[in-house]
Amino acid sequence: MILTIRLGEVLRETLTVRSRDLLTRPTGAAVRSSIEEAIAATPCPTTLLDFEAVGLIDFSCADEVVAKLLRRTEADQYVVLLGLDDTQAEAIDHVLARQDLAVAALPRSGGGGCRVLGRTTPDLIQAFDALHALGEGNAERLAPRLGWTLERTADALHTLALHRLVLAAAGTYAPLPLQ
């Protein structure tokens, strides 16, 4: 089960002034509070935050909405960002990288596949991409595809799971659901 939150709607409901932009720390805190309430009210383990109708997002809102949300969600909850444009992705990536956080993100329509924003390494990106290409599997299945040792592959998959970028159960890993 997946909860989709359209941030454009949350922004319209939160602000007294009409704006498509996520600017200022108080705006970000108010939007995050609405998101946290929605997450708390649902049994869905995965939340998709849809940025499609959002214009700009500054660093303070990237921190308030995304970084703080990631730090406050439970270990069994997952957040995926949808519909990001390049400018939004850049701001969020910058804020998350500085705080040793990461999130899975899908760009706006036609912008490519799922990717990681925030703190990452080349190994994590390669393992993330390979898992998305192959689908569910374990380190034994993924290692030959990557040309890595079993230990290196298992370490990358475990790290992806710790950052809640993939689902993990009994040594098997899967991409986060996006629908």
N, C-alpha and C. Protein backbone atom coordinates (compact mmCIF):
# COMPACT_ATOMS: atom_id res chain seq x y z
N MET A 1 0.83 -1.18 0.00
CA MET A 1 0.00 0.00 0.00
C MET A 1 0.87 1.24 0.00
N ILE A 2 0.42 2.23 -0.75
CA ILE A 2 1.20 3.45 -0.92
C ILE A 2 0.32 4.67 -0.66
N LEU A 3 0.87 5.63 0.03
CA LEU A 3 0.22 6.92 0.25
C LEU A 3 0.88 7.93 -0.67
N THR A 4 0.10 8.62 -1.50
CA THR A 4 0.63 9.67 -2.35
C THR A 4 0.16 11.01 -1.82
N ILE A 5 1.12 11.90 -1.59
CA ILE A 5 0.81 13.24 -1.10
C ILE A 5 1.25 14.24 -2.17
N ARG A 6 0.29 14.97 -2.66
CA ARG A 6 0.58 15.99 -3.67
C ARG A 6 0.93 17.30 -2.96
N LEU A 7 2.20 17.65 -3.03
CA LEU A 7 2.68 18.80 -2.27
C LEU A 7 2.09 20.12 -2.75
N GLY A 8 1.70 20.21 -4.01
CA GLY A 8 1.03 21.41 -4.49
C GLY A 8 -0.26 21.65 -3.74
N GLU A 9 -1.02 20.58 -3.49
CA GLU A 9 -2.27 20.69 -2.73
C GLU A 9 -1.99 21.03 -1.27
N VAL A 10 -1.00 20.39 -0.68
CA VAL A 10 -0.65 20.67 0.71
C VAL A 10 -0.22 22.13 0.85
N LEU A 11 0.54 22.60 -0.11
CA LEU A 11 1.00 23.99 -0.08
C LEU A 11 -0.17 24.96 -0.17
N ARG A 12 -1.13 24.68 -1.05
CA ARG A 12 -2.32 25.55 -1.17
C ARG A 12 -3.13 25.55 0.12
N GLU A 13 -3.25 24.40 0.76
CA GLU A 13 -4.03 24.30 2.00
C GLU A 13 -3.30 24.94 3.18
N THR A 14 -1.98 25.00 3.12
CA THR A 14 -1.17 25.49 4.23
C THR A 14 -0.99 27.00 4.21
N LEU A 15 -0.79 27.56 3.02
CA LEU A 15 -0.50 28.98 2.91
C LEU A 15 -1.77 29.81 2.78
N THR A 16 -1.72 31.01 3.33
CA THR A 16 -2.84 31.93 3.15
C THR A 16 -2.67 32.70 1.84
N VAL A 17 -1.46 32.77 1.33
CA VAL A 17 -1.16 33.43 0.06
C VAL A 17 -0.95 32.33 -1.00
N ARG A 18 -1.53 32.50 -2.19
CA ARG A 18 -1.36 31.51 -3.24
C ARG A 18 0.07 31.53 -3.77
N SER A 19 0.71 30.39 -3.72
CA SER A 19 2.07 30.26 -4.22
C SER A 19 2.34 28.81 -4.56
N ARG A 20 3.15 28.59 -5.59
CA ARG A 20 3.56 27.24 -5.96
C ARG A 20 4.93 26.92 -5.37
N ASP A 21 5.54 27.89 -4.71
CA ASP A 21 6.92 27.77 -4.26
C ASP A 21 7.01 27.38 -2.79
N LEU A 22 7.97 26.51 -2.50
CA LEU A 22 8.28 26.14 -1.13
C LEU A 22 9.47 26.99 -0.70
N LEU A 23 9.15 28.11 -0.07
CA LEU A 23 10.17 29.06 0.35
C LEU A 23 9.92 29.41 1.82
N THR A 24 10.94 29.59 2.55
CA THR A 24 11.00 29.95 3.97
C THR A 24 10.83 28.73 4.87
N ARG A 25 11.57 28.77 5.94
CA ARG A 25 11.55 27.67 6.92
C ARG A 25 10.17 27.48 7.55
N PRO A 26 9.44 28.54 7.92
CA PRO A 26 8.10 28.33 8.49
C PRO A 26 7.14 27.63 7.51
N THR A 27 7.21 27.97 6.23
CA THR A 27 6.38 27.30 5.24
C THR A 27 6.73 25.82 5.18
N GLY A 28 8.02 25.54 5.13
CA GLY A 28 8.47 24.14 5.09
C GLY A 28 8.03 23.36 6.32
N ALA A 29 8.12 23.97 7.48
CA ALA A 29 7.70 23.29 8.72
C ALA A 29 6.20 23.00 8.71
N ALA A 30 5.41 23.94 8.21
CA ALA A 30 3.96 23.74 8.14
C ALA A 30 3.61 22.62 7.16
N VAL A 31 4.28 22.61 6.02
CA VAL A 31 4.03 21.55 5.03
C VAL A 31 4.45 20.20 5.59
N ARG A 32 5.62 20.13 6.23
CA ARG A 32 6.08 18.87 6.82
C ARG A 32 5.10 18.37 7.88
N SER A 33 4.59 19.28 8.69
CA SER A 33 3.63 18.90 9.72
C SER A 33 2.40 18.24 9.10
N SER A 34 1.91 18.79 8.00
CA SER A 34 0.76 18.19 7.30
C SER A 34 1.11 16.80 6.76
N ILE A 35 2.31 16.67 6.23
CA ILE A 35 2.77 15.37 5.71
C ILE A 35 2.85 14.35 6.84
N GLU A 36 3.44 14.75 7.96
CA GLU A 36 3.58 13.84 9.10
C GLU A 36 2.22 13.39 9.62
N GLU A 37 1.25 14.29 9.64
CA GLU A 37 -0.10 13.91 10.06
C GLU A 37 -0.71 12.88 9.11
N ALA A 38 -0.53 13.08 7.82
CA ALA A 38 -1.06 12.13 6.83
C ALA A 38 -0.38 10.77 6.97
N ILE A 39 0.93 10.75 7.18
CA ILE A 39 1.66 9.50 7.34
C ILE A 39 1.20 8.77 8.61
N ALA A 40 1.02 9.52 9.69
CA ALA A 40 0.58 8.92 10.96
C ALA A 40 -0.82 8.33 10.86
N ALA A 41 -1.64 8.85 9.97
CA ALA A 41 -3.03 8.41 9.86
C ALA A 41 -3.22 7.24 8.90
N THR A 42 -2.15 6.72 8.32
CA THR A 42 -2.29 5.64 7.34
C THR A 42 -1.41 4.45 7.72
N PRO A 43 -1.83 3.24 7.35
CA PRO A 43 -0.98 2.08 7.59
C PRO A 43 0.03 1.85 6.45
N CYS A 44 0.01 2.70 5.43
CA CYS A 44 0.89 2.53 4.27
C CYS A 44 2.36 2.72 4.67
N PRO A 45 3.22 1.77 4.33
CA PRO A 45 4.63 1.93 4.68
C PRO A 45 5.40 2.85 3.74
N THR A 46 4.86 3.07 2.53
CA THR A 46 5.55 3.90 1.55
C THR A 46 4.75 5.16 1.26
N THR A 47 5.43 6.30 1.31
CA THR A 47 4.81 7.58 1.00
C THR A 47 5.51 8.18 -0.21
N LEU A 48 4.72 8.53 -1.21
CA LEU A 48 5.23 9.21 -2.39
C LEU A 48 4.91 10.69 -2.24
N LEU A 49 5.93 11.53 -2.24
CA LEU A 49 5.74 12.97 -2.18
C LEU A 49 5.83 13.50 -3.61
N ASP A 50 4.72 13.97 -4.13
CA ASP A 50 4.63 14.42 -5.52
C ASP A 50 4.90 15.93 -5.60
N PHE A 51 6.01 16.30 -6.24
CA PHE A 51 6.43 17.69 -6.39
C PHE A 51 5.98 18.30 -7.71
N GLU A 52 5.20 17.59 -8.50
CA GLU A 52 4.84 18.02 -9.86
C GLU A 52 4.29 19.44 -9.90
N ALA A 53 3.43 19.82 -8.97
CA ALA A 53 2.79 21.15 -9.00
C ALA A 53 3.54 22.19 -8.16
N VAL A 54 4.74 21.85 -7.72
CA VAL A 54 5.55 22.77 -6.92
C VAL A 54 6.53 23.48 -7.85
N GLY A 55 6.73 24.77 -7.59
CA GLY A 55 7.71 25.54 -8.36
C GLY A 55 9.08 25.43 -7.73
N LEU A 56 9.53 26.48 -7.13
CA LEU A 56 10.84 26.50 -6.49
C LEU A 56 10.81 25.84 -5.13
N ILE A 57 11.96 25.32 -4.72
CA ILE A 57 12.15 24.87 -3.34
C ILE A 57 13.53 25.37 -2.91
N ASP A 58 13.56 26.16 -1.85
CA ASP A 58 14.85 26.66 -1.39
C ASP A 58 15.47 25.68 -0.39
N PHE A 59 16.71 25.96 0.00
CA PHE A 59 17.43 25.05 0.89
C PHE A 59 16.73 24.87 2.23
N SER A 60 16.16 25.96 2.76
CA SER A 60 15.51 25.85 4.07
C SER A 60 14.28 24.95 4.00
N CYS A 61 13.52 25.02 2.91
CA CYS A 61 12.36 24.14 2.76
C CYS A 61 12.78 22.71 2.44
N ALA A 62 13.86 22.56 1.67
CA ALA A 62 14.37 21.21 1.42
C ALA A 62 14.75 20.55 2.75
N ASP A 63 15.33 21.33 3.64
CA ASP A 63 15.68 20.83 4.96
C ASP A 63 14.43 20.52 5.78
N GLU A 64 13.51 21.48 5.85
CA GLU A 64 12.30 21.31 6.67
C GLU A 64 11.40 20.19 6.16
N VAL A 65 11.18 20.15 4.86
CA VAL A 65 10.22 19.18 4.32
C VAL A 65 10.85 17.80 4.15
N VAL A 66 11.99 17.72 3.49
CA VAL A 66 12.55 16.41 3.15
C VAL A 66 13.49 15.87 4.23
N ALA A 67 14.52 16.62 4.57
CA ALA A 67 15.51 16.11 5.53
C ALA A 67 14.90 15.80 6.89
N LYS A 68 14.15 16.73 7.43
CA LYS A 68 13.53 16.48 8.74
C LYS A 68 12.51 15.36 8.68
N LEU A 69 11.78 15.27 7.57
CA LEU A 69 10.82 14.17 7.42
C LEU A 69 11.55 12.83 7.42
N LEU A 70 12.65 12.74 6.69
CA LEU A 70 13.41 11.49 6.66
C LEU A 70 13.94 11.11 8.04
N ARG A 71 14.40 12.09 8.80
CA ARG A 71 14.91 11.80 10.15
C ARG A 71 13.80 11.40 11.11
N ARG A 72 12.58 11.87 10.88
CA ARG A 72 11.49 11.64 11.82
C ARG A 72 10.64 10.41 11.50
N THR A 73 10.73 9.89 10.28
CA THR A 73 9.91 8.72 9.95
C THR A 73 10.48 7.48 10.62
N GLU A 74 9.62 6.55 10.87
CA GLU A 74 10.00 5.30 11.53
C GLU A 74 10.87 4.45 10.61
N ALA A 75 11.60 3.52 11.18
CA ALA A 75 12.52 2.67 10.41
C ALA A 75 11.81 1.83 9.36
N ASP A 76 10.54 1.54 9.55
CA ASP A 76 9.81 0.71 8.58
C ASP A 76 8.97 1.55 7.62
N GLN A 77 9.23 2.85 7.56
CA GLN A 77 8.53 3.74 6.64
C GLN A 77 9.51 4.21 5.56
N TYR A 78 8.98 4.37 4.36
CA TYR A 78 9.79 4.74 3.21
C TYR A 78 9.20 5.98 2.55
N VAL A 79 10.09 6.85 2.06
CA VAL A 79 9.66 8.06 1.38
C VAL A 79 10.34 8.08 0.00
N VAL A 80 9.55 8.36 -1.03
CA VAL A 80 10.06 8.50 -2.39
C VAL A 80 9.56 9.85 -2.91
N LEU A 81 10.44 10.58 -3.58
CA LEU A 81 10.07 11.87 -4.15
C LEU A 81 9.74 11.68 -5.63
N LEU A 82 8.65 12.28 -6.06
CA LEU A 82 8.20 12.17 -7.44
C LEU A 82 8.13 13.55 -8.10
N GLY A 83 8.28 13.57 -9.41
CA GLY A 83 8.02 14.77 -10.18
C GLY A 83 8.95 15.93 -9.93
N LEU A 84 10.19 15.64 -9.58
CA LEU A 84 11.16 16.71 -9.33
C LEU A 84 11.71 17.26 -10.64
N ASP A 85 11.89 18.58 -10.69
CA ASP A 85 12.65 19.13 -11.80
C ASP A 85 14.11 19.21 -11.36
N ASP A 86 15.00 19.57 -12.27
CA ASP A 86 16.43 19.58 -11.97
C ASP A 86 16.80 20.53 -10.84
N THR A 87 16.16 21.68 -10.79
CA THR A 87 16.47 22.66 -9.74
C THR A 87 16.03 22.16 -8.37
N GLN A 88 14.85 21.57 -8.30
CA GLN A 88 14.37 21.00 -7.03
C GLN A 88 15.29 19.86 -6.59
N ALA A 89 15.63 18.98 -7.52
CA ALA A 89 16.50 17.84 -7.19
C ALA A 89 17.86 18.32 -6.68
N GLU A 90 18.39 19.35 -7.30
CA GLU A 90 19.69 19.89 -6.89
C GLU A 90 19.64 20.43 -5.46
N ALA A 91 18.60 21.18 -5.12
CA ALA A 91 18.48 21.73 -3.77
C ALA A 91 18.35 20.62 -2.73
N ILE A 92 17.50 19.64 -3.02
CA ILE A 92 17.28 18.54 -2.08
C ILE A 92 18.55 17.70 -1.95
N ASP A 93 19.20 17.41 -3.07
CA ASP A 93 20.44 16.63 -3.05
C ASP A 93 21.49 17.31 -2.18
N HIS A 94 21.66 18.60 -2.33
CA HIS A 94 22.64 19.37 -1.56
C HIS A 94 22.36 19.27 -0.05
N VAL A 95 21.12 19.49 0.33
CA VAL A 95 20.75 19.48 1.75
C VAL A 95 20.93 18.07 2.34
N LEU A 96 20.48 17.05 1.64
CA LEU A 96 20.58 15.69 2.16
C LEU A 96 22.04 15.22 2.26
N ALA A 97 22.85 15.55 1.27
CA ALA A 97 24.25 15.13 1.28
C ALA A 97 24.98 15.70 2.49
N ARG A 98 24.68 16.93 2.84
CA ARG A 98 25.33 17.57 3.99
C ARG A 98 24.92 16.94 5.31
N GLN A 99 23.77 16.24 5.32
CA GLN A 99 23.25 15.66 6.56
C GLN A 99 23.35 14.13 6.58
N ASP A 100 24.09 13.56 5.64
CA ASP A 100 24.28 12.11 5.54
C ASP A 100 22.95 11.37 5.40
N LEU A 101 22.04 11.96 4.62
CA LEU A 101 20.74 11.36 4.35
C LEU A 101 20.62 11.08 2.85
N ALA A 102 19.73 10.19 2.49
CA ALA A 102 19.50 9.88 1.08
C ALA A 102 18.04 9.52 0.87
N VAL A 103 17.56 9.74 -0.35
CA VAL A 103 16.18 9.43 -0.69
C VAL A 103 16.11 9.01 -2.16
N ALA A 104 15.18 8.13 -2.47
CA ALA A 104 14.93 7.74 -3.86
C ALA A 104 14.04 8.80 -4.49
N ALA A 105 14.32 9.12 -5.76
CA ALA A 105 13.56 10.18 -6.43
C ALA A 105 13.36 9.85 -7.90
N LEU A 106 12.19 10.24 -8.38
CA LEU A 106 11.86 10.14 -9.80
C LEU A 106 11.69 11.54 -10.35
N PRO A 107 12.35 11.83 -11.47
CA PRO A 107 12.21 13.17 -12.05
C PRO A 107 10.84 13.36 -12.70
N ARG A 108 10.58 14.59 -13.13
CA ARG A 108 9.34 14.87 -13.84
C ARG A 108 9.26 14.02 -15.09
N SER A 109 8.09 13.87 -15.63
CA SER A 109 7.82 13.02 -16.79
C SER A 109 8.91 13.13 -17.85
N GLY A 110 9.34 11.96 -18.30
CA GLY A 110 10.33 11.91 -19.36
C GLY A 110 11.75 12.19 -18.92
N GLY A 111 11.97 12.31 -17.61
CA GLY A 111 13.30 12.68 -17.12
C GLY A 111 14.18 11.52 -16.73
N GLY A 112 13.79 10.30 -17.00
CA GLY A 112 14.62 9.16 -16.65
C GLY A 112 14.06 8.36 -15.49
N GLY A 113 14.85 7.39 -15.04
CA GLY A 113 14.40 6.48 -14.00
C GLY A 113 14.71 6.95 -12.60
N CYS A 114 14.39 6.10 -11.66
CA CYS A 114 14.59 6.38 -10.25
C CYS A 114 16.09 6.54 -9.96
N ARG A 115 16.41 7.50 -9.11
CA ARG A 115 17.80 7.73 -8.72
C ARG A 115 17.87 8.11 -7.25
N VAL A 116 19.07 8.18 -6.74
CA VAL A 116 19.30 8.52 -5.35
C VAL A 116 19.76 9.97 -5.25
N LEU A 117 19.15 10.70 -4.33
CA LEU A 117 19.58 12.05 -4.00
C LEU A 117 20.17 12.03 -2.60
N GLY A 118 21.19 12.82 -2.37
CA GLY A 118 21.77 12.92 -1.05
C GLY A 118 23.10 12.21 -0.96
N ARG A 119 23.42 11.75 0.23
CA ARG A 119 24.71 11.12 0.51
C ARG A 119 24.75 9.74 -0.10
N THR A 120 25.70 9.54 -0.99
CA THR A 120 25.81 8.24 -1.65
C THR A 120 27.26 8.01 -2.08
N THR A 121 27.51 6.85 -2.63
CA THR A 121 28.82 6.50 -3.17
C THR A 121 28.61 5.88 -4.55
N PRO A 122 29.66 5.78 -5.33
CA PRO A 122 29.51 5.11 -6.63
C PRO A 122 28.98 3.67 -6.50
N ASP A 123 29.44 2.94 -5.50
CA ASP A 123 28.94 1.57 -5.30
C ASP A 123 27.45 1.56 -5.02
N LEU A 124 26.98 2.47 -4.18
CA LEU A 124 25.55 2.50 -3.86
C LEU A 124 24.72 2.85 -5.09
N ILE A 125 25.19 3.76 -5.88
CA ILE A 125 24.46 4.13 -7.10
C ILE A 125 24.41 2.96 -8.06
N GLN A 126 25.54 2.28 -8.25
CA GLN A 126 25.57 1.12 -9.16
C GLN A 126 24.66 0.01 -8.67
N ALA A 127 24.69 -0.28 -7.37
CA ALA A 127 23.84 -1.34 -6.82
C ALA A 127 22.36 -0.95 -6.92
N PHE A 128 22.05 0.30 -6.63
CA PHE A 128 20.68 0.80 -6.73
C PHE A 128 20.17 0.67 -8.17
N ASP A 129 20.97 1.12 -9.13
CA ASP A 129 20.58 1.04 -10.54
C ASP A 129 20.42 -0.41 -11.00
N ALA A 130 21.33 -1.28 -10.59
CA ALA A 130 21.26 -2.69 -10.98
C ALA A 130 20.02 -3.36 -10.39
N LEU A 131 19.70 -3.05 -9.15
CA LEU A 131 18.51 -3.63 -8.53
C LEU A 131 17.25 -3.16 -9.25
N HIS A 132 17.23 -1.91 -9.66
CA HIS A 132 16.07 -1.39 -10.41
C HIS A 132 15.98 -2.05 -11.79
N ALA A 133 17.11 -2.35 -12.39
CA ALA A 133 17.10 -2.99 -13.71
C ALA A 133 16.69 -4.45 -13.62
N LEU A 134 17.18 -5.16 -12.58
CA LEU A 134 16.91 -6.60 -12.43
C LEU A 134 15.63 -6.92 -11.68
N GLY A 135 15.23 -6.04 -10.78
CA GLY A 135 14.11 -6.33 -9.90
C GLY A 135 14.59 -7.05 -8.66
N GLU A 136 13.66 -7.57 -7.91
CA GLU A 136 13.96 -8.20 -6.62
C GLU A 136 15.03 -9.27 -6.75
N GLY A 137 15.92 -9.31 -5.74
CA GLY A 137 16.96 -10.33 -5.75
C GLY A 137 17.85 -10.21 -4.53
N ASN A 138 18.85 -11.07 -4.49
CA ASN A 138 19.80 -11.05 -3.38
C ASN A 138 21.19 -10.73 -3.91
N ALA A 139 22.17 -10.71 -3.02
CA ALA A 139 23.54 -10.37 -3.41
C ALA A 139 24.09 -11.38 -4.41
N GLU A 140 23.74 -12.64 -4.27
CA GLU A 140 24.22 -13.66 -5.20
C GLU A 140 23.73 -13.41 -6.62
N ARG A 141 22.54 -12.91 -6.76
CA ARG A 141 21.98 -12.63 -8.08
C ARG A 141 22.58 -11.36 -8.67
N LEU A 142 22.84 -10.37 -7.81
CA LEU A 142 23.29 -9.07 -8.28
C LEU A 142 24.80 -9.00 -8.52
N ALA A 143 25.59 -9.74 -7.75
CA ALA A 143 27.06 -9.67 -7.84
C ALA A 143 27.58 -9.94 -9.26
N PRO A 144 27.13 -10.98 -9.94
CA PRO A 144 27.64 -11.20 -11.30
C PRO A 144 27.28 -10.06 -12.26
N ARG A 145 26.12 -9.49 -12.09
CA ARG A 145 25.69 -8.37 -12.94
C ARG A 145 26.61 -7.16 -12.76
N LEU A 146 27.04 -6.95 -11.52
CA LEU A 146 27.91 -5.82 -11.21
C LEU A 146 29.39 -6.13 -11.43
N GLY A 147 29.72 -7.42 -11.47
CA GLY A 147 31.12 -7.81 -11.58
C GLY A 147 31.86 -7.62 -10.26
N TRP A 148 31.13 -7.73 -9.15
CA TRP A 148 31.68 -7.51 -7.82
C TRP A 148 31.73 -8.82 -7.05
N THR A 149 32.47 -8.78 -5.93
CA THR A 149 32.44 -9.91 -5.01
C THR A 149 31.09 -9.95 -4.31
N LEU A 150 30.78 -11.11 -3.78
CA LEU A 150 29.53 -11.27 -3.03
C LEU A 150 29.51 -10.34 -1.81
N GLU A 151 30.65 -10.22 -1.14
CA GLU A 151 30.73 -9.37 0.07
C GLU A 151 30.48 -7.90 -0.28
N ARG A 152 31.10 -7.42 -1.34
CA ARG A 152 30.92 -6.02 -1.75
C ARG A 152 29.46 -5.74 -2.12
N THR A 153 28.88 -6.68 -2.84
CA THR A 153 27.48 -6.52 -3.24
C THR A 153 26.56 -6.54 -2.03
N ALA A 154 26.77 -7.49 -1.12
CA ALA A 154 25.94 -7.58 0.08
C ALA A 154 26.07 -6.31 0.93
N ASP A 155 27.27 -5.77 1.02
CA ASP A 155 27.49 -4.54 1.78
C ASP A 155 26.72 -3.37 1.16
N ALA A 156 26.78 -3.23 -0.16
CA ALA A 156 26.07 -2.14 -0.83
C ALA A 156 24.56 -2.28 -0.65
N LEU A 157 24.03 -3.49 -0.81
CA LEU A 157 22.59 -3.71 -0.64
C LEU A 157 22.15 -3.43 0.80
N HIS A 158 22.95 -3.87 1.75
CA HIS A 158 22.64 -3.63 3.16
C HIS A 158 22.62 -2.12 3.46
N THR A 159 23.58 -1.39 2.92
CA THR A 159 23.64 0.05 3.12
C THR A 159 22.44 0.74 2.48
N LEU A 160 22.05 0.31 1.28
CA LEU A 160 20.85 0.86 0.65
C LEU A 160 19.63 0.64 1.53
N ALA A 161 19.54 -0.54 2.13
CA ALA A 161 18.40 -0.85 3.00
C ALA A 161 18.44 0.02 4.27
N LEU A 162 19.62 0.23 4.83
CA LEU A 162 19.73 1.08 6.02
C LEU A 162 19.29 2.51 5.74
N HIS A 163 19.54 2.99 4.55
CA HIS A 163 19.11 4.34 4.16
C HIS A 163 17.67 4.35 3.65
N ARG A 164 17.01 3.21 3.72
CA ARG A 164 15.61 3.05 3.30
C ARG A 164 15.41 3.44 1.83
N LEU A 165 16.37 3.02 1.02
CA LEU A 165 16.30 3.26 -0.42
C LEU A 165 15.77 2.03 -1.16
N VAL A 166 15.78 0.89 -0.49
CA VAL A 166 15.25 -0.36 -1.03
C VAL A 166 14.56 -1.13 0.10
N LEU A 167 13.72 -2.05 -0.28
CA LEU A 167 13.08 -2.94 0.71
C LEU A 167 14.00 -4.13 0.95
N ALA A 168 14.05 -4.59 2.18
CA ALA A 168 14.89 -5.74 2.52
C ALA A 168 14.11 -6.69 3.41
N ALA A 169 14.21 -7.98 3.08
CA ALA A 169 13.59 -9.02 3.91
C ALA A 169 14.32 -10.33 3.68
N ALA A 170 14.86 -10.88 4.73
CA ALA A 170 15.51 -12.20 4.71
C ALA A 170 16.56 -12.31 3.60
N GLY A 171 17.39 -11.29 3.46
CA GLY A 171 18.48 -11.35 2.49
C GLY A 171 18.07 -11.04 1.06
N THR A 172 16.81 -10.71 0.86
CA THR A 172 16.33 -10.35 -0.48
C THR A 172 16.03 -8.85 -0.48
N TYR A 173 16.35 -8.21 -1.58
CA TYR A 173 16.18 -6.77 -1.71
C TYR A 173 15.30 -6.47 -2.92
N ALA A 174 14.53 -5.39 -2.82
CA ALA A 174 13.64 -5.01 -3.91
C ALA A 174 13.55 -3.50 -3.99
N PRO A 175 13.33 -2.98 -5.20
CA PRO A 175 13.10 -1.54 -5.32
C PRO A 175 11.85 -1.14 -4.54
N LEU A 176 11.80 0.09 -4.10
CA LEU A 176 10.62 0.59 -3.41
C LEU A 176 9.47 0.65 -4.41
N PRO A 177 8.25 0.35 -3.95
CA PRO A 177 7.10 0.42 -4.86
C PRO A 177 6.82 1.88 -5.24
N LEU A 178 6.46 2.09 -6.51
CA LEU A 178 6.21 3.45 -6.99
C LEU A 178 4.79 3.62 -7.47
N GLN A 179 3.94 2.62 -7.30
CA GLN A 179 2.53 2.72 -7.70
C GLN A 179 1.67 2.00 -6.69
